[in-house]
Amino acid sequence: MQWPERWHRGKAEWDILNCYQRFESAIALVLTIVIALIILIALYRLSIGVVTGLLFGAADPLEHAVFQSIFGEIMTLLIALEFNHTLRYVVTKHQSIIQTKIVLLIALLAVARKFIILDMRETSADYLLALAAITLALGVTYRLMRSDADTTDRSGGNRRPAASGGERESGVHHPGKDEIDAKQ
């Protein structure tokens, strides 16, 4: 689709939105831009840090602390990318609000990042137990939400089960894009 055609279609869609929907779309657009800038800056800093560390020998990638730090930063970037991807669907009107399942998946990514950067020698058993409980609670909640969606699908609701291809590899359903991908 050409840029002028997109602009006119977007303007036509904007005209039919009520005041709050316009506000929500504008906030989502601003957040998308801000998060994109944060991602670019974080990627730049990560790249410079890794390249200079490897070239000048300041960072040994086989050292456990360096490995944890690098992959912690990579996980942070992945979390920000997934969040930005979610906001993009709000901006393009494929979703009106951010869905709870997506927030749960992002929270699970954040907990996984925490486990990656965790220094086991300096972590108490209580802290590990708390992280495990959070992980279990998020996982069970996500599973219950998926089970509810699958039940809705079987009873004639408008959601599709995971096996129908309505989800990306990350497990997040993105209305609009997934239907287009399924047609191709």
C-alpha atoms as a PDB file:
ATOM      1  CA  MET A   1       0.000   0.000   0.000  1.00  0.00           C
ATOM      2  CA  GLN A   2       1.361   3.396  -0.996  1.00  0.00           C
ATOM      3  CA  TRP A   3       2.080   6.053   1.627  1.00  0.00           C
ATOM      4  CA  PRO A   4      -0.569   8.590   0.383  1.00  0.00           C
ATOM      5  CA  GLU A   5      -3.217   5.855   0.311  1.00  0.00           C
ATOM      6  CA  ARG A   6      -2.330   4.836   3.872  1.00  0.00           C
ATOM      7  CA  TRP A   7      -2.519   8.448   4.986  1.00  0.00           C
ATOM      8  CA  HIS A   8      -5.991   8.944   3.510  1.00  0.00           C
ATOM      9  CA  ARG A   9      -7.264   5.663   4.952  1.00  0.00           C
ATOM     10  CA  GLY A  10      -5.847   6.565   8.368  1.00  0.00           C
ATOM     11  CA  LYS A  11      -7.432  10.024   8.214  1.00  0.00           C
ATOM     12  CA  ALA A  12     -10.805   8.504   7.320  1.00  0.00           C
ATOM     13  CA  GLU A  13     -10.533   6.079  10.252  1.00  0.00           C
ATOM     14  CA  TRP A  14      -9.471   8.917  12.579  1.00  0.00           C
ATOM     15  CA  ASP A  15     -12.550  10.944  11.614  1.00  0.00           C
ATOM     16  CA  ILE A  16     -14.959   8.238  12.792  1.00  0.00           C
ATOM     17  CA  LEU A  17     -13.283   7.755  16.198  1.00  0.00           C
ATOM     18  CA  ASN A  18     -14.822   9.312  19.280  1.00  0.00           C
ATOM     19  CA  CYS A  19     -12.796  11.641  21.493  1.00  0.00           C
ATOM     20  CA  TYR A  20     -11.562   8.967  23.899  1.00  0.00           C
ATOM     21  CA  GLN A  21     -10.550   6.606  21.061  1.00  0.00           C
ATOM     22  CA  ARG A  22      -8.528   9.426  19.515  1.00  0.00           C
ATOM     23  CA  PHE A  23      -6.900  10.103  22.898  1.00  0.00           C
ATOM     24  CA  GLU A  24      -6.084   6.402  23.333  1.00  0.00           C
ATOM     25  CA  SER A  25      -4.622   6.165  19.817  1.00  0.00           C
ATOM     26  CA  ALA A  26      -2.536   9.311  20.291  1.00  0.00           C
ATOM     27  CA  ILE A  27      -1.125   8.048  23.600  1.00  0.00           C
ATOM     28  CA  ALA A  28      -0.347   4.656  22.045  1.00  0.00           C
ATOM     29  CA  LEU A  29       1.430   6.383  19.138  1.00  0.00           C
ATOM     30  CA  VAL A  30       3.530   8.546  21.476  1.00  0.00           C
ATOM     31  CA  LEU A  31       4.406   5.499  23.602  1.00  0.00           C
ATOM     32  CA  THR A  32       5.368   3.572  20.472  1.00  0.00           C
ATOM     33  CA  ILE A  33       7.737   6.342  19.403  1.00  0.00           C
ATOM     34  CA  VAL A  34       9.248   6.704  22.898  1.00  0.00           C
ATOM     35  CA  ILE A  35       9.779   2.945  23.265  1.00  0.00           C
ATOM     36  CA  ALA A  36      11.263   2.769  19.751  1.00  0.00           C
ATOM     37  CA  LEU A  37      13.785   5.454  20.736  1.00  0.00           C
ATOM     38  CA  ILE A  38      14.611   3.598  23.957  1.00  0.00           C
ATOM     39  CA  ILE A  39      15.101   0.386  21.972  1.00  0.00           C
ATOM     40  CA  LEU A  40      17.438   2.114  19.518  1.00  0.00           C
ATOM     41  CA  ILE A  41      19.504   3.699  22.299  1.00  0.00           C
ATOM     42  CA  ALA A  42      19.676   0.426  24.252  1.00  0.00           C
ATOM     43  CA  LEU A  43      20.662  -1.491  21.099  1.00  0.00           C
ATOM     44  CA  TYR A  44      23.364   1.080  20.342  1.00  0.00           C
ATOM     45  CA  ARG A  45      24.751   0.882  23.896  1.00  0.00           C
ATOM     46  CA  LEU A  46      24.630  -2.919  23.876  1.00  0.00           C
ATOM     47  CA  SER A  47      26.359  -3.114  20.500  1.00  0.00           C
ATOM     48  CA  ILE A  48      29.070  -0.629  21.456  1.00  0.00           C
ATOM     49  CA  GLY A  49      29.611  -2.355  24.795  1.00  0.00           C
ATOM     50  CA  VAL A  50      29.885  -5.829  23.274  1.00  0.00           C
ATOM     51  CA  VAL A  51      32.059  -4.798  20.322  1.00  0.00           C
ATOM     52  CA  THR A  52      34.475  -2.670  22.340  1.00  0.00           C
ATOM     53  CA  GLY A  53      34.551  -5.253  25.121  1.00  0.00           C
ATOM     54  CA  LEU A  54      35.447  -8.023  22.701  1.00  0.00           C
ATOM     55  CA  LEU A  55      37.873  -6.007  20.567  1.00  0.00           C
ATOM     56  CA  PHE A  56      39.811  -4.514  23.464  1.00  0.00           C
ATOM     57  CA  GLY A  57      39.579  -7.567  25.680  1.00  0.00           C
ATOM     58  CA  ALA A  58      37.755  -5.706  28.438  1.00  0.00           C
ATOM     59  CA  ALA A  59      34.943  -8.255  28.451  1.00  0.00           C
ATOM     60  CA  ASP A  60      35.433 -11.984  28.396  1.00  0.00           C
ATOM     61  CA  PRO A  61      32.239 -13.517  26.965  1.00  0.00           C
ATOM     62  CA  LEU A  62      33.016 -16.773  28.757  1.00  0.00           C
ATOM     63  CA  GLU A  63      32.995 -15.047  32.133  1.00  0.00           C
ATOM     64  CA  HIS A  64      29.688 -15.804  33.836  1.00  0.00           C
ATOM     65  CA  ALA A  65      28.976 -12.223  34.995  1.00  0.00           C
ATOM     66  CA  VAL A  66      29.621 -10.797  31.507  1.00  0.00           C
ATOM     67  CA  PHE A  67      27.451 -13.476  29.919  1.00  0.00           C
ATOM     68  CA  GLN A  68      24.621 -12.711  32.366  1.00  0.00           C
ATOM     69  CA  SER A  69      24.895  -8.991  31.777  1.00  0.00           C
ATOM     70  CA  ILE A  70      24.847  -9.272  27.981  1.00  0.00           C
ATOM     71  CA  PHE A  71      21.914 -11.653  27.881  1.00  0.00           C
ATOM     72  CA  GLY A  72      20.073  -9.579  30.480  1.00  0.00           C
ATOM     73  CA  GLU A  73      20.366  -6.576  28.178  1.00  0.00           C
ATOM     74  CA  ILE A  74      19.252  -8.673  25.197  1.00  0.00           C
ATOM     75  CA  MET A  75      16.201  -9.872  27.135  1.00  0.00           C
ATOM     76  CA  THR A  76      15.404  -6.263  28.057  1.00  0.00           C
ATOM     77  CA  LEU A  77      15.453  -5.382  24.363  1.00  0.00           C
ATOM     78  CA  LEU A  78      13.196  -8.332  23.534  1.00  0.00           C
ATOM     79  CA  ILE A  79      10.721  -7.278  26.207  1.00  0.00           C
ATOM     80  CA  ALA A  80      10.684  -3.724  24.871  1.00  0.00           C
ATOM     81  CA  LEU A  81      10.253  -5.004  21.292  1.00  0.00           C
ATOM     82  CA  GLU A  82       7.296  -7.181  22.274  1.00  0.00           C
ATOM     83  CA  PHE A  83       5.699  -4.309  24.164  1.00  0.00           C
ATOM     84  CA  ASN A  84       6.230  -1.979  21.206  1.00  0.00           C
ATOM     85  CA  HIS A  85       4.812  -4.607  18.847  1.00  0.00           C
ATOM     86  CA  THR A  86       1.711  -4.782  21.030  1.00  0.00           C
ATOM     87  CA  LEU A  87       1.304  -1.002  21.038  1.00  0.00           C
ATOM     88  CA  ARG A  88       1.603  -0.960  17.268  1.00  0.00           C
ATOM     89  CA  TYR A  89      -1.622  -2.951  17.040  1.00  0.00           C
ATOM     90  CA  VAL A  90      -3.382  -0.390  19.217  1.00  0.00           C
ATOM     91  CA  VAL A  91      -2.137   2.424  16.958  1.00  0.00           C
ATOM     92  CA  THR A  92      -3.198   0.626  13.757  1.00  0.00           C
ATOM     93  CA  LYS A  93      -6.635  -0.147  15.255  1.00  0.00           C
ATOM     94  CA  HIS A  94      -6.236  -3.926  15.067  1.00  0.00           C
ATOM     95  CA  GLN A  95      -6.871  -3.951  18.810  1.00  0.00           C
ATOM     96  CA  SER A  96      -8.640  -1.312  20.834  1.00  0.00           C
ATOM     97  CA  ILE A  97      -6.782  -2.067  24.085  1.00  0.00           C
ATOM     98  CA  ILE A  98      -3.802  -4.086  25.171  1.00  0.00           C
ATOM     99  CA  GLN A  99      -4.952  -7.584  25.976  1.00  0.00           C
ATOM    100  CA  THR A 100      -4.235  -9.134  29.348  1.00  0.00           C
ATOM    101  CA  LYS A 101      -2.639 -12.248  27.817  1.00  0.00           C
ATOM    102  CA  ILE A 102      -0.002 -10.091  26.158  1.00  0.00           C
ATOM    103  CA  VAL A 103       0.775  -8.330  29.426  1.00  0.00           C
ATOM    104  CA  LEU A 104       1.137 -11.734  31.121  1.00  0.00           C
ATOM    105  CA  LEU A 105       3.556 -12.909  28.426  1.00  0.00           C
ATOM    106  CA  ILE A 106       5.617  -9.747  28.777  1.00  0.00           C
ATOM    107  CA  ALA A 107       5.656 -10.259  32.563  1.00  0.00           C
ATOM    108  CA  LEU A 108       6.847 -13.852  32.033  1.00  0.00           C
ATOM    109  CA  LEU A 109       9.635 -12.534  29.799  1.00  0.00           C
ATOM    110  CA  ALA A 110      10.608 -10.077  32.543  1.00  0.00           C
ATOM    111  CA  VAL A 111      10.723 -12.869  35.139  1.00  0.00           C
ATOM    112  CA  ALA A 112      12.793 -15.020  32.751  1.00  0.00           C
ATOM    113  CA  ARG A 113      15.179 -12.067  32.370  1.00  0.00           C
ATOM    114  CA  LYS A 114      15.401 -11.850  36.161  1.00  0.00           C
ATOM    115  CA  PHE A 115      16.345 -15.527  36.351  1.00  0.00           C
ATOM    116  CA  ILE A 116      19.032 -15.001  33.686  1.00  0.00           C
ATOM    117  CA  ILE A 117      20.708 -12.088  35.471  1.00  0.00           C
ATOM    118  CA  LEU A 118      20.307 -13.609  38.939  1.00  0.00           C
ATOM    119  CA  ASP A 119      23.537 -14.251  40.837  1.00  0.00           C
ATOM    120  CA  MET A 120      22.816 -17.539  42.577  1.00  0.00           C
ATOM    121  CA  ARG A 121      25.627 -17.070  45.110  1.00  0.00           C
ATOM    122  CA  GLU A 122      24.128 -13.852  46.458  1.00  0.00           C
ATOM    123  CA  THR A 123      20.439 -14.834  46.276  1.00  0.00           C
ATOM    124  CA  SER A 124      18.499 -16.090  49.271  1.00  0.00           C
ATOM    125  CA  ALA A 125      16.188 -19.078  49.159  1.00  0.00           C
ATOM    126  CA  ASP A 126      13.244 -16.829  50.072  1.00  0.00           C
ATOM    127  CA  TYR A 127      13.912 -14.638  47.064  1.00  0.00           C
ATOM    128  CA  LEU A 128      14.100 -17.657  44.751  1.00  0.00           C
ATOM    129  CA  LEU A 129      10.887 -19.016  46.229  1.00  0.00           C
ATOM    130  CA  ALA A 130       9.164 -15.676  45.635  1.00  0.00           C
ATOM    131  CA  LEU A 131      10.343 -15.594  42.012  1.00  0.00           C
ATOM    132  CA  ALA A 132       9.184 -19.178  41.529  1.00  0.00           C
ATOM    133  CA  ALA A 133       5.772 -18.320  42.997  1.00  0.00           C
ATOM    134  CA  ILE A 134       5.457 -15.308  40.690  1.00  0.00           C
ATOM    135  CA  THR A 135       6.422 -17.430  37.697  1.00  0.00           C
ATOM    136  CA  LEU A 136       3.928 -20.118  38.650  1.00  0.00           C
ATOM    137  CA  ALA A 137       1.151 -17.577  39.242  1.00  0.00           C
ATOM    138  CA  LEU A 138       1.764 -15.881  35.881  1.00  0.00           C
ATOM    139  CA  GLY A 139       1.960 -19.224  34.074  1.00  0.00           C
ATOM    140  CA  VAL A 140      -1.218 -20.576  35.655  1.00  0.00           C
ATOM    141  CA  THR A 141      -3.073 -17.320  34.962  1.00  0.00           C
ATOM    142  CA  TYR A 142      -1.958 -17.364  31.339  1.00  0.00           C
ATOM    143  CA  ARG A 143      -2.970 -21.010  30.983  1.00  0.00           C
ATOM    144  CA  LEU A 144      -6.393 -20.358  32.500  1.00  0.00           C
ATOM    145  CA  MET A 145      -6.915 -17.450  30.116  1.00  0.00           C
ATOM    146  CA  ARG A 146      -5.928 -19.647  27.182  1.00  0.00           C
ATOM    147  CA  SER A 147      -8.262 -22.402  28.387  1.00  0.00           C
ATOM    148  CA  ASP A 148     -11.074 -19.854  28.607  1.00  0.00           C
ATOM    149  CA  ALA A 149     -10.320 -18.683  25.069  1.00  0.00           C
ATOM    150  CA  ASP A 150     -10.297 -22.264  23.777  1.00  0.00           C
ATOM    151  CA  THR A 151     -13.665 -22.923  25.473  1.00  0.00           C
ATOM    152  CA  THR A 152     -15.078 -19.751  23.921  1.00  0.00           C
ATOM    153  CA  ASP A 153     -13.880 -20.936  20.504  1.00  0.00           C
ATOM    154  CA  ARG A 154     -15.621 -24.270  20.820  1.00  0.00           C
ATOM    155  CA  SER A 155     -18.876 -22.629  21.881  1.00  0.00           C
ATOM    156  CA  GLY A 156     -19.001 -20.413  18.802  1.00  0.00           C
ATOM    157  CA  GLY A 157     -17.182 -17.328  20.116  1.00  0.00           C
ATOM    158  CA  ASN A 158     -15.064 -15.169  17.882  1.00  0.00           C
ATOM    159  CA  ARG A 159     -11.683 -16.239  19.275  1.00  0.00           C
ATOM    160  CA  ARG A 160      -9.684 -18.968  17.596  1.00  0.00           C
ATOM    161  CA  PRO A 161      -7.807 -21.766  19.353  1.00  0.00           C
ATOM    162  CA  ALA A 162      -4.027 -21.782  19.246  1.00  0.00           C
ATOM    163  CA  ALA A 163      -3.971 -24.724  16.825  1.00  0.00           C
ATOM    164  CA  SER A 164      -5.737 -22.668  14.150  1.00  0.00           C
ATOM    165  CA  GLY A 165      -2.653 -20.573  13.466  1.00  0.00           C
ATOM    166  CA  GLY A 166      -4.063 -17.396  15.004  1.00  0.00           C
ATOM    167  CA  GLU A 167      -0.974 -16.820  17.092  1.00  0.00           C
ATOM    168  CA  ARG A 168       2.566 -15.837  16.387  1.00  0.00           C
ATOM    169  CA  GLU A 169       5.449 -17.995  17.486  1.00  0.00           C
ATOM    170  CA  SER A 170       5.545 -16.057  20.764  1.00  0.00           C
ATOM    171  CA  GLY A 171       2.030 -17.307  21.534  1.00  0.00           C
ATOM    172  CA  VAL A 172       0.447 -13.863  21.271  1.00  0.00           C
ATOM    173  CA  HIS A 173      -2.619 -13.511  19.076  1.00  0.00           C
ATOM    174  CA  HIS A 174      -2.578 -10.347  16.994  1.00  0.00           C
ATOM    175  CA  PRO A 175      -5.962  -9.755  15.341  1.00  0.00           C
ATOM    176  CA  GLY A 176      -5.686  -8.423  11.824  1.00  0.00           C
ATOM    177  CA  LYS A 177      -2.084  -9.392  11.110  1.00  0.00           C
ATOM    178  CA  ASP A 178      -2.595 -13.059  11.900  1.00  0.00           C
ATOM    179  CA  GLU A 179      -5.669 -13.244   9.674  1.00  0.00           C
ATOM    180  CA  ILE A 180      -3.666 -11.665   6.823  1.00  0.00           C
ATOM    181  CA  ASP A 181      -0.789 -14.089   7.425  1.00  0.00           C
ATOM    182  CA  ALA A 182      -3.219 -17.035   7.421  1.00  0.00           C
ATOM    183  CA  LYS A 183      -4.584 -16.026   4.011  1.00  0.00           C
ATOM    184  CA  GLN A 184      -1.101 -15.995   2.510  1.00  0.00           C
END
